[in-house]
Amino acid sequence: MLNSARMFKRKVPDSDARSGQATGHGTLKKGSFWQSLLAVLAGNAIYFSMQRFLPARAQHHLYQIDWGLAVDFCICLVCYGLVRRIFHD
């Protein structure tokens, strides 16, 4: 009975008492959300500003999964790499 209760016990990551930030494995660094948001916003701004100059296959059509999404994703990925390089901790 004791072993089955231990199986369902919820694991809580270790936390730093002063900051309240989780310090366990797999936690995000302090500004990574904001870096990701900045990269996605910049990447989408770049993609949608140059979308009309791209070939028809690379243009995104509303509510469809197409090659335009792949191009947009690649631009956002490059922007994320640049943001991480600029704001290197």
N, C-alpha and C. Protein backbone atom coordinates (compact mmCIF):
# COMPACT_ATOMS: atom_id res chain seq x y z
N MET A 1 0.82 -1.19 0.00
CA MET A 1 0.00 0.00 0.00
C MET A 1 0.86 1.26 0.00
N LEU A 2 1.93 1.22 0.75
CA LEU A 2 2.82 2.38 0.84
C LEU A 2 3.50 2.65 -0.50
N ASN A 3 3.90 1.60 -1.21
CA ASN A 3 4.55 1.78 -2.50
C ASN A 3 3.60 2.38 -3.53
N SER A 4 2.33 1.96 -3.54
CA SER A 4 1.39 2.51 -4.51
C SER A 4 1.11 3.99 -4.21
N ALA A 5 1.10 4.37 -2.96
CA ALA A 5 0.91 5.78 -2.62
C ALA A 5 2.11 6.60 -3.07
N ARG A 6 3.28 6.03 -3.01
CA ARG A 6 4.49 6.72 -3.42
C ARG A 6 4.52 6.90 -4.94
N MET A 7 3.91 5.98 -5.68
CA MET A 7 3.89 6.07 -7.14
C MET A 7 3.10 7.28 -7.60
N PHE A 8 2.03 7.60 -6.91
CA PHE A 8 1.15 8.68 -7.34
C PHE A 8 1.48 10.01 -6.67
N LYS A 9 2.55 10.05 -5.92
CA LYS A 9 2.93 11.28 -5.25
C LYS A 9 3.44 12.28 -6.29
N ARG A 10 2.96 13.49 -6.23
CA ARG A 10 3.31 14.53 -7.19
C ARG A 10 4.72 15.04 -6.92
N LYS A 11 5.53 15.11 -7.97
CA LYS A 11 6.89 15.61 -7.82
C LYS A 11 6.90 17.10 -8.07
N VAL A 12 7.49 17.84 -7.16
CA VAL A 12 7.58 19.29 -7.27
C VAL A 12 9.04 19.64 -7.45
N PRO A 13 9.38 20.47 -8.47
CA PRO A 13 10.78 20.81 -8.66
C PRO A 13 11.31 21.65 -7.50
N ASP A 14 12.62 21.53 -7.28
CA ASP A 14 13.25 22.35 -6.25
C ASP A 14 13.08 23.81 -6.60
N SER A 15 12.99 24.66 -5.60
CA SER A 15 12.84 26.07 -5.89
C SER A 15 13.76 26.89 -5.01
N ASP A 16 14.15 28.02 -5.53
CA ASP A 16 14.97 28.96 -4.79
C ASP A 16 14.02 29.78 -3.93
N ALA A 17 14.23 29.81 -2.63
CA ALA A 17 13.29 30.45 -1.70
C ALA A 17 13.20 31.95 -1.95
N ARG A 18 14.29 32.58 -2.34
CA ARG A 18 14.26 34.03 -2.51
C ARG A 18 13.56 34.45 -3.80
N SER A 19 13.84 33.77 -4.90
CA SER A 19 13.29 34.21 -6.18
C SER A 19 11.99 33.52 -6.53
N GLY A 20 11.73 32.36 -5.95
CA GLY A 20 10.52 31.62 -6.29
C GLY A 20 10.65 30.90 -7.63
N GLN A 21 11.84 30.96 -8.25
CA GLN A 21 12.06 30.32 -9.52
C GLN A 21 12.38 28.85 -9.31
N ALA A 22 11.85 28.00 -10.17
CA ALA A 22 12.17 26.58 -10.09
C ALA A 22 13.61 26.37 -10.56
N THR A 23 14.34 25.51 -9.87
CA THR A 23 15.74 25.26 -10.23
C THR A 23 15.97 23.84 -10.70
N GLY A 24 14.92 23.05 -10.84
CA GLY A 24 15.07 21.66 -11.26
C GLY A 24 15.44 21.54 -12.72
N HIS A 25 15.72 20.32 -13.13
CA HIS A 25 16.10 20.04 -14.52
C HIS A 25 14.93 20.35 -15.45
N GLY A 26 15.22 20.97 -16.60
CA GLY A 26 14.20 21.22 -17.60
C GLY A 26 13.48 22.55 -17.44
N THR A 27 13.92 23.39 -16.53
CA THR A 27 13.26 24.68 -16.38
C THR A 27 13.85 25.68 -17.37
N LEU A 28 13.08 26.72 -17.68
CA LEU A 28 13.51 27.72 -18.63
C LEU A 28 14.41 28.75 -17.95
N LYS A 29 15.32 29.31 -18.72
CA LYS A 29 16.14 30.39 -18.18
C LYS A 29 15.29 31.63 -18.01
N LYS A 30 15.85 32.60 -17.31
CA LYS A 30 15.06 33.74 -16.88
C LYS A 30 14.41 34.51 -18.02
N GLY A 31 15.01 34.79 -19.10
CA GLY A 31 14.40 35.62 -20.12
C GLY A 31 14.07 34.88 -21.39
N SER A 32 14.08 33.56 -21.38
CA SER A 32 13.92 32.84 -22.63
C SER A 32 12.53 33.02 -23.25
N PHE A 33 11.51 33.22 -22.43
CA PHE A 33 10.18 33.46 -22.99
C PHE A 33 10.18 34.76 -23.79
N TRP A 34 10.78 35.80 -23.22
CA TRP A 34 10.80 37.10 -23.88
C TRP A 34 11.68 37.07 -25.12
N GLN A 35 12.75 36.31 -25.07
CA GLN A 35 13.60 36.16 -26.25
C GLN A 35 12.85 35.43 -27.36
N SER A 36 12.11 34.40 -26.99
CA SER A 36 11.32 33.65 -27.98
C SER A 36 10.23 34.53 -28.57
N LEU A 37 9.56 35.28 -27.72
CA LEU A 37 8.50 36.18 -28.20
C LEU A 37 9.06 37.22 -29.15
N LEU A 38 10.21 37.81 -28.79
CA LEU A 38 10.84 38.80 -29.66
C LEU A 38 11.21 38.19 -31.00
N ALA A 39 11.75 36.97 -30.98
CA ALA A 39 12.14 36.30 -32.22
C ALA A 39 10.93 36.01 -33.10
N VAL A 40 9.84 35.56 -32.51
CA VAL A 40 8.64 35.23 -33.30
C VAL A 40 8.02 36.51 -33.88
N LEU A 41 7.96 37.56 -33.09
CA LEU A 41 7.40 38.82 -33.60
C LEU A 41 8.26 39.40 -34.71
N ALA A 42 9.58 39.37 -34.52
CA ALA A 42 10.48 39.89 -35.55
C ALA A 42 10.42 39.02 -36.81
N GLY A 43 10.40 37.70 -36.63
CA GLY A 43 10.34 36.80 -37.78
C GLY A 43 9.05 36.95 -38.57
N ASN A 44 7.94 37.09 -37.87
CA ASN A 44 6.67 37.29 -38.57
C ASN A 44 6.61 38.65 -39.25
N ALA A 45 7.19 39.67 -38.63
CA ALA A 45 7.23 40.99 -39.27
C ALA A 45 8.05 40.94 -40.55
N ILE A 46 9.17 40.25 -40.51
CA ILE A 46 10.00 40.11 -41.71
C ILE A 46 9.26 39.32 -42.78
N TYR A 47 8.67 38.19 -42.39
CA TYR A 47 7.98 37.34 -43.38
C TYR A 47 6.81 38.07 -44.03
N PHE A 48 5.95 38.66 -43.22
CA PHE A 48 4.76 39.28 -43.79
C PHE A 48 5.06 40.58 -44.54
N SER A 49 6.21 41.21 -44.26
CA SER A 49 6.58 42.39 -45.04
C SER A 49 7.14 42.00 -46.41
N MET A 50 7.71 40.80 -46.53
CA MET A 50 8.26 40.39 -47.83
C MET A 50 7.44 39.30 -48.50
N GLN A 51 6.29 38.95 -47.94
CA GLN A 51 5.47 37.87 -48.47
C GLN A 51 5.03 38.12 -49.91
N ARG A 52 4.67 39.33 -50.24
CA ARG A 52 4.17 39.61 -51.59
C ARG A 52 5.25 39.47 -52.66
N PHE A 53 6.53 39.48 -52.24
CA PHE A 53 7.62 39.34 -53.19
C PHE A 53 8.07 37.89 -53.35
N LEU A 54 7.53 37.01 -52.53
CA LEU A 54 7.90 35.59 -52.58
C LEU A 54 7.13 34.87 -53.69
N PRO A 55 7.63 33.72 -54.15
CA PRO A 55 6.87 32.93 -55.12
C PRO A 55 5.53 32.48 -54.53
N ALA A 56 4.61 32.13 -55.37
CA ALA A 56 3.25 31.77 -54.91
C ALA A 56 3.26 30.60 -53.93
N ARG A 57 4.15 29.64 -54.11
CA ARG A 57 4.20 28.49 -53.19
C ARG A 57 4.69 28.88 -51.81
N ALA A 58 5.49 29.93 -51.70
CA ALA A 58 6.06 30.34 -50.41
C ALA A 58 5.17 31.35 -49.69
N GLN A 59 4.05 31.69 -50.27
CA GLN A 59 3.13 32.62 -49.63
C GLN A 59 2.12 31.84 -48.80
N HIS A 60 1.85 32.36 -47.61
CA HIS A 60 0.91 31.69 -46.71
C HIS A 60 -0.52 32.10 -47.05
N HIS A 61 -1.41 31.10 -47.06
CA HIS A 61 -2.83 31.35 -47.28
C HIS A 61 -3.55 31.11 -45.97
N LEU A 62 -4.45 31.98 -45.62
CA LEU A 62 -5.14 31.96 -44.34
C LEU A 62 -5.84 30.63 -44.09
N TYR A 63 -5.69 30.09 -42.89
CA TYR A 63 -6.31 28.86 -42.41
C TYR A 63 -5.90 27.62 -43.21
N GLN A 64 -4.68 27.62 -43.73
CA GLN A 64 -4.18 26.46 -44.45
C GLN A 64 -2.76 26.14 -43.98
N ILE A 65 -2.42 24.87 -44.01
CA ILE A 65 -1.05 24.46 -43.75
C ILE A 65 -0.36 24.37 -45.10
N ASP A 66 0.63 25.22 -45.31
CA ASP A 66 1.28 25.29 -46.61
C ASP A 66 2.75 25.61 -46.45
N TRP A 67 3.46 25.77 -47.58
CA TRP A 67 4.89 26.04 -47.54
C TRP A 67 5.17 27.42 -46.97
N GLY A 68 4.22 28.31 -47.01
CA GLY A 68 4.41 29.63 -46.41
C GLY A 68 4.67 29.55 -44.92
N LEU A 69 4.01 28.61 -44.25
CA LEU A 69 4.26 28.40 -42.82
C LEU A 69 5.68 27.91 -42.58
N ALA A 70 6.17 27.04 -43.46
CA ALA A 70 7.53 26.53 -43.32
C ALA A 70 8.55 27.65 -43.50
N VAL A 71 8.31 28.50 -44.48
CA VAL A 71 9.21 29.64 -44.71
C VAL A 71 9.17 30.57 -43.50
N ASP A 72 7.99 30.86 -42.99
CA ASP A 72 7.83 31.71 -41.82
C ASP A 72 8.55 31.11 -40.61
N PHE A 73 8.41 29.80 -40.43
CA PHE A 73 9.08 29.12 -39.32
C PHE A 73 10.59 29.24 -39.44
N CYS A 74 11.12 29.06 -40.64
CA CYS A 74 12.57 29.16 -40.83
C CYS A 74 13.08 30.57 -40.53
N ILE A 75 12.34 31.58 -40.93
CA ILE A 75 12.73 32.96 -40.64
C ILE A 75 12.70 33.21 -39.14
N CYS A 76 11.67 32.72 -38.46
CA CYS A 76 11.58 32.88 -37.00
C CYS A 76 12.72 32.13 -36.31
N LEU A 77 13.11 30.98 -36.83
CA LEU A 77 14.21 30.21 -36.25
C LEU A 77 15.53 30.97 -36.38
N VAL A 78 15.76 31.59 -37.53
CA VAL A 78 16.96 32.40 -37.72
C VAL A 78 16.94 33.60 -36.76
N CYS A 79 15.79 34.24 -36.63
CA CYS A 79 15.66 35.37 -35.70
C CYS A 79 15.92 34.92 -34.27
N TYR A 80 15.46 33.73 -33.90
CA TYR A 80 15.70 33.22 -32.56
C TYR A 80 17.19 33.02 -32.32
N GLY A 81 17.88 32.48 -33.30
CA GLY A 81 19.33 32.31 -33.17
C GLY A 81 20.04 33.64 -33.01
N LEU A 82 19.60 34.66 -33.76
CA LEU A 82 20.21 35.99 -33.63
C LEU A 82 19.92 36.61 -32.27
N VAL A 83 18.68 36.47 -31.80
CA VAL A 83 18.32 37.03 -30.49
C VAL A 83 19.12 36.34 -29.41
N ARG A 84 19.25 35.03 -29.47
CA ARG A 84 20.03 34.30 -28.46
C ARG A 84 21.50 34.72 -28.49
N ARG A 85 22.02 34.98 -29.69
CA ARG A 85 23.41 35.41 -29.80
C ARG A 85 23.59 36.82 -29.23
N ILE A 86 22.63 37.70 -29.48
CA ILE A 86 22.72 39.08 -28.98
C ILE A 86 22.59 39.13 -27.48
N PHE A 87 21.58 38.41 -26.93
CA PHE A 87 21.31 38.45 -25.49
C PHE A 87 21.92 37.26 -24.77
N HIS A 88 23.10 36.85 -25.18
CA HIS A 88 23.77 35.70 -24.57
C HIS A 88 24.02 35.97 -23.08
N ASP A 89 23.59 35.05 -22.24
CA ASP A 89 23.74 35.23 -20.78
C ASP A 89 25.10 34.81 -20.32
